[in-house]
């Protein structure tokens, strides 16, 4: 019995150790489960914070993208307006250049006409000057015989010097 009692005590001790081990395992599992739950809770909170952060960043990116698009549209409008003004100015310059060319041609034509007039005048003056230098012999026109007019009789009355005009 002694052996049996010793075995009984050993079995009870082993069982107690086993029970203690099971209790510690359960406690460790419960502790691990609690730690895992805490970790899971912490990860969820971190994920929510990240999600909120991403949402805020996304909103900021969308806002800045809209602002960039608005600025780009404004720049395009301004550029198109400037290009229209530039085209208008170019058309004005072309019209002015054409007008200047036409006026230059007109001035050149007037210069030629003036040169022709001056040339003719100089030619006439030279011809007249050459004629004056050499005397031209012209036959004298025959004098017509004078007509005799009968004298008038003096009138009885002389006309007044200062008569009123009608």
C-alpha atoms as a PDB file:
ATOM      1  CA  UNK A   1       0.000   0.000   0.000  1.00  0.00           C
ATOM      2  CA  UNK A   2       2.809   2.146   0.528  1.00  0.00           C
ATOM      3  CA  UNK A   3       3.643   1.937  -3.038  1.00  0.00           C
ATOM      4  CA  UNK A   4       0.078   2.417  -3.945  1.00  0.00           C
ATOM      5  CA  UNK A   5      -0.235   5.482  -1.688  1.00  0.00           C
ATOM      6  CA  UNK A   6       2.905   6.882  -3.037  1.00  0.00           C
ATOM      7  CA  UNK A   7       1.604   6.430  -6.501  1.00  0.00           C
ATOM      8  CA  UNK A   8      -1.645   7.927  -5.388  1.00  0.00           C
ATOM      9  CA  UNK A   9       0.094  10.917  -4.022  1.00  0.00           C
ATOM     10  CA  UNK A  10       2.172  11.209  -7.151  1.00  0.00           C
ATOM     11  CA  UNK A  11      -0.931  10.892  -9.300  1.00  0.00           C
ATOM     12  CA  UNK A  12      -2.675  13.521  -7.230  1.00  0.00           C
ATOM     13  CA  UNK A  13       0.357  15.751  -7.465  1.00  0.00           C
ATOM     14  CA  UNK A  14       0.569  15.173 -11.224  1.00  0.00           C
ATOM     15  CA  UNK A  15      -3.124  15.831 -11.524  1.00  0.00           C
ATOM     16  CA  UNK A  16      -2.795  18.962  -9.442  1.00  0.00           C
ATOM     17  CA  UNK A  17       0.116  20.048 -11.601  1.00  0.00           C
ATOM     18  CA  UNK A  18      -1.941  19.182 -14.655  1.00  0.00           C
ATOM     19  CA  UNK A  19      -4.896  21.162 -13.367  1.00  0.00           C
ATOM     20  CA  UNK A  20      -2.622  24.018 -12.437  1.00  0.00           C
ATOM     21  CA  UNK A  21      -1.063  23.817 -15.923  1.00  0.00           C
ATOM     22  CA  UNK A  22      -4.510  23.841 -17.540  1.00  0.00           C
ATOM     23  CA  UNK A  23      -5.550  26.794 -15.415  1.00  0.00           C
ATOM     24  CA  UNK A  24      -2.358  28.653 -16.311  1.00  0.00           C
ATOM     25  CA  UNK A  25      -2.875  27.752 -19.973  1.00  0.00           C
ATOM     26  CA  UNK A  26      -6.438  28.979 -19.850  1.00  0.00           C
ATOM     27  CA  UNK A  27      -5.297  32.099 -18.075  1.00  0.00           C
ATOM     28  CA  UNK A  28      -2.500  32.603 -20.624  1.00  0.00           C
ATOM     29  CA  UNK A  29      -4.947  31.961 -23.475  1.00  0.00           C
ATOM     30  CA  UNK A  30      -7.391  34.365 -21.885  1.00  0.00           C
ATOM     31  CA  UNK A  31      -4.571  36.861 -21.424  1.00  0.00           C
ATOM     32  CA  UNK A  32      -3.380  36.263 -25.015  1.00  0.00           C
ATOM     33  CA  UNK A  33      -6.988  36.565 -26.191  1.00  0.00           C
ATOM     34  CA  UNK A  34      -7.338  39.835 -24.278  1.00  0.00           C
ATOM     35  CA  UNK A  35      -4.002  41.052 -25.656  1.00  0.00           C
ATOM     36  CA  UNK A  36      -5.049  40.032 -29.170  1.00  0.00           C
ATOM     37  CA  UNK A  37      -8.367  41.806 -28.701  1.00  0.00           C
ATOM     38  CA  UNK A  38      -6.548  44.894 -27.410  1.00  0.00           C
ATOM     39  CA  UNK A  39      -4.166  44.711 -30.350  1.00  0.00           C
ATOM     40  CA  UNK A  40      -7.083  44.252 -32.729  1.00  0.00           C
ATOM     41  CA  UNK A  41      -8.838  47.210 -31.133  1.00  0.00           C
ATOM     42  CA  UNK A  42      -5.654  49.288 -31.455  1.00  0.00           C
ATOM     43  CA  UNK A  43      -5.253  48.248 -35.117  1.00  0.00           C
ATOM     44  CA  UNK A  44      -8.890  49.200 -35.801  1.00  0.00           C
ATOM     45  CA  UNK A  45      -8.341  52.601 -34.218  1.00  0.00           C
ATOM     46  CA  UNK A  46      -5.139  53.076 -36.236  1.00  0.00           C
ATOM     47  CA  UNK A  47      -6.979  52.039 -39.402  1.00  0.00           C
ATOM     48  CA  UNK A  48      -9.790  54.501 -38.666  1.00  0.00           C
ATOM     49  CA  UNK A  49      -7.232  57.256 -38.080  1.00  0.00           C
ATOM     50  CA  UNK A  50      -5.480  56.334 -41.317  1.00  0.00           C
ATOM     51  CA  UNK A  51      -8.798  56.237 -43.187  1.00  0.00           C
ATOM     52  CA  UNK A  52      -9.697  59.682 -41.854  1.00  0.00           C
ATOM     53  CA  UNK A  53      -6.234  60.936 -42.744  1.00  0.00           C
ATOM     54  CA  UNK A  54      -6.574  59.513 -46.256  1.00  0.00           C
ATOM     55  CA  UNK A  55     -10.015  61.093 -46.613  1.00  0.00           C
ATOM     56  CA  UNK A  56      -8.645  64.462 -45.529  1.00  0.00           C
ATOM     57  CA  UNK A  57      -5.687  64.145 -47.899  1.00  0.00           C
ATOM     58  CA  UNK A  58      -8.031  63.076 -50.684  1.00  0.00           C
ATOM     59  CA  UNK A  59     -10.235  66.112 -50.066  1.00  0.00           C
ATOM     60  CA  UNK A  60      -7.161  68.364 -50.055  1.00  0.00           C
ATOM     61  CA  UNK A  61      -5.933  66.789 -53.295  1.00  0.00           C
ATOM     62  CA  UNK A  62      -9.373  67.181 -54.887  1.00  0.00           C
ATOM     63  CA  UNK A  63      -9.564  70.795 -53.733  1.00  0.00           C
ATOM     64  CA  UNK A  64      -6.101  71.593 -55.040  1.00  0.00           C
ATOM     65  CA  UNK A  65      -6.864  69.728 -58.290  1.00  0.00           C
ATOM     66  CA  UNK A  66     -10.051  71.805 -58.733  1.00  0.00           C
ATOM     67  CA  UNK A  67      -8.105  74.988 -58.016  1.00  0.00           C
ATOM     68  CA  UNK A  68      -5.427  73.980 -60.534  1.00  0.00           C
ATOM     69  CA  UNK A  69      -8.092  73.198 -63.134  1.00  0.00           C
ATOM     70  CA  UNK A  70      -9.782  76.554 -62.498  1.00  0.00           C
ATOM     71  CA  UNK A  71      -6.445  78.341 -62.769  1.00  0.00           C
ATOM     72  CA  UNK A  72      -5.676  76.390 -65.941  1.00  0.00           C
ATOM     73  CA  UNK A  73      -9.072  77.289 -67.424  1.00  0.00           C
ATOM     74  CA  UNK A  74      -8.533  80.949 -66.503  1.00  0.00           C
ATOM     75  CA  UNK A  75      -5.082  80.837 -68.068  1.00  0.00           C
ATOM     76  CA  UNK A  76      -6.500  79.275 -71.227  1.00  0.00           C
ATOM     77  CA  UNK A  77      -9.197  81.945 -71.439  1.00  0.00           C
ATOM     78  CA  UNK A  78      -6.629  84.668 -70.916  1.00  0.00           C
ATOM     79  CA  UNK A  79      -4.327  83.112 -73.507  1.00  0.00           C
ATOM     80  CA  UNK A  80      -7.153  82.852 -76.052  1.00  0.00           C
ATOM     81  CA  UNK A  81      -8.138  86.453 -75.393  1.00  0.00           C
ATOM     82  CA  UNK A  82      -4.530  87.553 -75.801  1.00  0.00           C
ATOM     83  CA  UNK A  83      -4.206  85.559 -79.025  1.00  0.00           C
ATOM     84  CA  UNK A  84      -7.380  87.186 -80.386  1.00  0.00           C
ATOM     85  CA  UNK A  85      -6.002  90.621 -79.534  1.00  0.00           C
ATOM     86  CA  UNK A  86      -2.681  89.676 -81.138  1.00  0.00           C
ATOM     87  CA  UNK A  87      -4.450  88.531 -84.326  1.00  0.00           C
ATOM     88  CA  UNK A  88      -6.445  91.758 -84.375  1.00  0.00           C
ATOM     89  CA  UNK A  89      -3.250  93.791 -83.942  1.00  0.00           C
ATOM     90  CA  UNK A  90      -1.575  91.804 -86.711  1.00  0.00           C
ATOM     91  CA  UNK A  91      -4.505  92.462 -89.051  1.00  0.00           C
ATOM     92  CA  UNK A  92      -4.312  96.164 -88.179  1.00  0.00           C
ATOM     93  CA  UNK A  93      -0.578  96.177 -88.880  1.00  0.00           C
ATOM     94  CA  UNK A  94      -1.085  94.422 -92.222  1.00  0.00           C
ATOM     95  CA  UNK A  95      -3.758  96.970 -93.174  1.00  0.00           C
ATOM     96  CA  UNK A  96      -1.467  99.832 -92.141  1.00  0.00           C
ATOM     97  CA  UNK A  97       1.439  98.379 -94.092  1.00  0.00           C
ATOM     98  CA  UNK A  98      -0.775  98.050 -97.166  1.00  0.00           C
ATOM     99  CA  UNK A  99      -1.973 101.644 -96.722  1.00  0.00           C
ATOM    100  CA  UNK A 100       1.618 102.858 -96.291  1.00  0.00           C
ATOM    101  CA  UNK A 101       2.680 100.991 -99.443  1.00  0.00           C
ATOM    102  CA  UNK A 102      -0.234 102.524-101.378  1.00  0.00           C
ATOM    103  CA  UNK A 103       0.613 106.005-100.098  1.00  0.00           C
ATOM    104  CA  UNK A 104       4.295 105.523-100.947  1.00  0.00           C
ATOM    105  CA  UNK A 105       3.329 104.507-104.484  1.00  0.00           C
ATOM    106  CA  UNK A 106       1.064 107.560-104.706  1.00  0.00           C
ATOM    107  CA  UNK A 107       3.886 109.828-103.453  1.00  0.00           C
ATOM    108  CA  UNK A 108       6.258 108.297-105.998  1.00  0.00           C
ATOM    109  CA  UNK A 109       3.692 108.938-108.748  1.00  0.00           C
ATOM    110  CA  UNK A 110       3.329 112.552-107.613  1.00  0.00           C
ATOM    111  CA  UNK A 111       7.122 112.919-107.601  1.00  0.00           C
ATOM    112  CA  UNK A 112       7.295 111.678-111.180  1.00  0.00           C
ATOM    113  CA  UNK A 113       4.507 114.051-112.206  1.00  0.00           C
ATOM    114  CA  UNK A 114       6.244 116.936-110.426  1.00  0.00           C
ATOM    115  CA  UNK A 115       9.560 116.045-112.099  1.00  0.00           C
ATOM    116  CA  UNK A 116       7.793 116.015-115.484  1.00  0.00           C
ATOM    117  CA  UNK A 117       6.180 119.400-114.808  1.00  0.00           C
ATOM    118  CA  UNK A 118       9.509 120.869-113.649  1.00  0.00           C
ATOM    119  CA  UNK A 119      11.285 119.393-116.668  1.00  0.00           C
ATOM    120  CA  UNK A 120       8.725 120.923-119.037  1.00  0.00           C
ATOM    121  CA  UNK A 121       8.950 124.295-117.283  1.00  0.00           C
ATOM    122  CA  UNK A 122      12.738 124.265-117.430  1.00  0.00           C
ATOM    123  CA  UNK A 123      12.589 123.281-121.095  1.00  0.00           C
ATOM    124  CA  UNK A 124      10.165 126.134-121.889  1.00  0.00           C
ATOM    125  CA  UNK A 125      12.243 128.632-119.952  1.00  0.00           C
ATOM    126  CA  UNK A 126      15.379 127.527-121.798  1.00  0.00           C
ATOM    127  CA  UNK A 127      13.567 127.832-125.097  1.00  0.00           C
ATOM    128  CA  UNK A 128      12.285 131.302-124.170  1.00  0.00           C
ATOM    129  CA  UNK A 129      15.711 132.341-122.930  1.00  0.00           C
ATOM    130  CA  UNK A 130      17.283 131.114-126.152  1.00  0.00           C
ATOM    131  CA  UNK A 131      14.751 133.112-128.170  1.00  0.00           C
ATOM    132  CA  UNK A 132      15.440 136.241-126.174  1.00  0.00           C
ATOM    133  CA  UNK A 133      19.153 135.933-126.803  1.00  0.00           C
ATOM    134  CA  UNK A 134      18.819 135.926-130.566  1.00  0.00           C
ATOM    135  CA  UNK A 135      16.587 138.609-131.907  1.00  0.00           C
ATOM    136  CA  UNK A 136      13.796 137.367-133.997  1.00  0.00           C
ATOM    137  CA  UNK A 137      13.253 139.369-137.115  1.00  0.00           C
ATOM    138  CA  UNK A 138       9.626 139.730-137.716  1.00  0.00           C
ATOM    139  CA  UNK A 139       8.089 141.742-140.417  1.00  0.00           C
ATOM    140  CA  UNK A 140       6.238 144.728-139.124  1.00  0.00           C
ATOM    141  CA  UNK A 141       2.568 144.582-139.629  1.00  0.00           C
ATOM    142  CA  UNK A 142       1.275 147.051-142.111  1.00  0.00           C
ATOM    143  CA  UNK A 143      -0.360 149.993-140.523  1.00  0.00           C
ATOM    144  CA  UNK A 144      -3.960 150.439-141.403  1.00  0.00           C
ATOM    145  CA  UNK A 145      -4.895 153.834-142.587  1.00  0.00           C
ATOM    146  CA  UNK A 146      -6.427 155.927-139.898  1.00  0.00           C
ATOM    147  CA  UNK A 147     -10.086 156.521-140.108  1.00  0.00           C
ATOM    148  CA  UNK A 148     -11.255 159.973-140.070  1.00  0.00           C
ATOM    149  CA  UNK A 149     -13.924 160.717-137.606  1.00  0.00           C
ATOM    150  CA  UNK A 150     -16.159 163.721-138.005  1.00  0.00           C
ATOM    151  CA  UNK A 151     -16.077 166.099-135.141  1.00  0.00           C
ATOM    152  CA  UNK A 152     -19.099 166.168-133.010  1.00  0.00           C
ATOM    153  CA  UNK A 153     -21.068 169.212-132.333  1.00  0.00           C
ATOM    154  CA  UNK A 154     -20.919 170.470-128.834  1.00  0.00           C
ATOM    155  CA  UNK A 155     -24.091 169.716-127.006  1.00  0.00           C
ATOM    156  CA  UNK A 156     -26.012 172.418-125.334  1.00  0.00           C
ATOM    157  CA  UNK A 157     -25.648 170.961-122.026  1.00  0.00           C
ATOM    158  CA  UNK A 158     -22.693 169.296-120.477  1.00  0.00           C
ATOM    159  CA  UNK A 159     -23.180 166.139-118.471  1.00  0.00           C
ATOM    160  CA  UNK A 160     -22.587 166.376-114.726  1.00  0.00           C
ATOM    161  CA  UNK A 161     -19.359 164.848-113.575  1.00  0.00           C
ATOM    162  CA  UNK A 162     -20.790 163.080-110.603  1.00  0.00           C
ATOM    163  CA  UNK A 163     -24.067 161.632-111.604  1.00  0.00           C
ATOM    164  CA  UNK A 164     -25.854 159.038-109.547  1.00  0.00           C
ATOM    165  CA  UNK A 165     -25.623 155.574-110.950  1.00  0.00           C
ATOM    166  CA  UNK A 166     -28.703 153.605-111.465  1.00  0.00           C
END
